[in-house]
Amino acid sequence: MTENLIVRVLRVAGPDSAGVFQTFQVNCASRMSVLDVLTQIQSIQDSTLAFRYSCRAGM
């Protein structure tokens, strides 16, 4: 089963930037993690989306 989610991501240009929220619509499968959602946005909708993660580095 999939759900259509609305995801708001805070986009920040640098350490002194206030940032702006950007909204994405994502078809989310039942067991997707937040990291899965972010990588889907990056690969399908906006390749400029950048984020740091290490939760699956050892997998």
Protein backbone atom coordinates (compact mmCIF):
# COMPACT_ATOMS: atom_id res chain seq x y z
CA MET A 1 0.00 0.00 0.00
CA THR A 2 1.27 3.47 -0.82
CA GLU A 3 0.27 6.86 0.51
CA ASN A 4 0.77 10.28 -0.98
CA LEU A 5 2.75 12.32 1.57
CA ILE A 6 3.46 16.01 1.62
CA VAL A 7 7.01 16.58 2.90
CA ARG A 8 8.43 19.96 3.88
CA VAL A 9 12.23 20.23 3.77
CA LEU A 10 14.18 23.16 5.18
CA ARG A 11 16.64 24.26 2.49
CA VAL A 12 19.64 26.20 3.87
CA ALA A 13 22.32 27.73 1.64
CA GLY A 14 24.96 28.02 4.36
CA PRO A 15 25.60 28.28 8.10
CA ASP A 16 24.45 31.90 8.28
CA SER A 17 21.39 31.45 6.05
CA ALA A 18 17.89 31.51 7.55
CA GLY A 19 16.65 28.88 5.10
CA VAL A 20 13.39 28.37 3.24
CA PHE A 21 10.94 25.47 3.39
CA GLN A 22 10.34 23.59 0.13
CA THR A 23 7.38 21.24 -0.28
CA PHE A 24 7.48 17.88 -2.08
CA GLN A 25 4.80 15.26 -2.75
CA VAL A 26 6.04 11.70 -2.34
CA ASN A 27 4.41 8.33 -2.98
CA CYS A 28 5.43 6.54 0.20
CA ALA A 29 5.37 2.76 0.63
CA SER A 30 4.25 1.36 3.98
CA ARG A 31 7.73 0.63 5.40
CA MET A 32 9.75 3.57 4.06
CA SER A 33 12.04 5.40 6.47
CA VAL A 34 12.68 9.14 6.48
CA LEU A 35 16.00 8.43 4.75
CA ASP A 36 14.16 6.46 2.04
CA VAL A 37 11.82 9.41 1.49
CA LEU A 38 14.72 11.88 1.23
CA THR A 39 16.64 9.71 -1.23
CA GLN A 40 13.49 9.29 -3.33
CA ILE A 41 13.06 13.08 -3.45
CA GLN A 42 16.72 13.46 -4.41
CA SER A 43 16.66 10.83 -7.15
CA ILE A 44 13.27 11.63 -8.71
CA GLN A 45 12.32 15.24 -7.99
CA ASP A 46 15.32 17.38 -7.04
CA SER A 47 18.89 16.23 -7.53
CA THR A 48 20.19 19.35 -5.75
CA LEU A 49 18.78 18.15 -2.41
CA ALA A 50 21.71 17.39 -0.12
CA PHE A 51 21.66 15.84 3.33
CA ARG A 52 24.03 14.01 5.67
CA TYR A 53 23.40 10.57 7.08
CA SER A 54 25.33 7.67 8.54
CA CYS A 55 22.59 5.39 9.90
CA ARG A 56 23.10 2.82 7.11
CA ALA A 57 26.83 3.23 6.63
CA GLY A 58 27.64 -0.24 7.98
CA MET A 59 25.01 -2.11 5.97
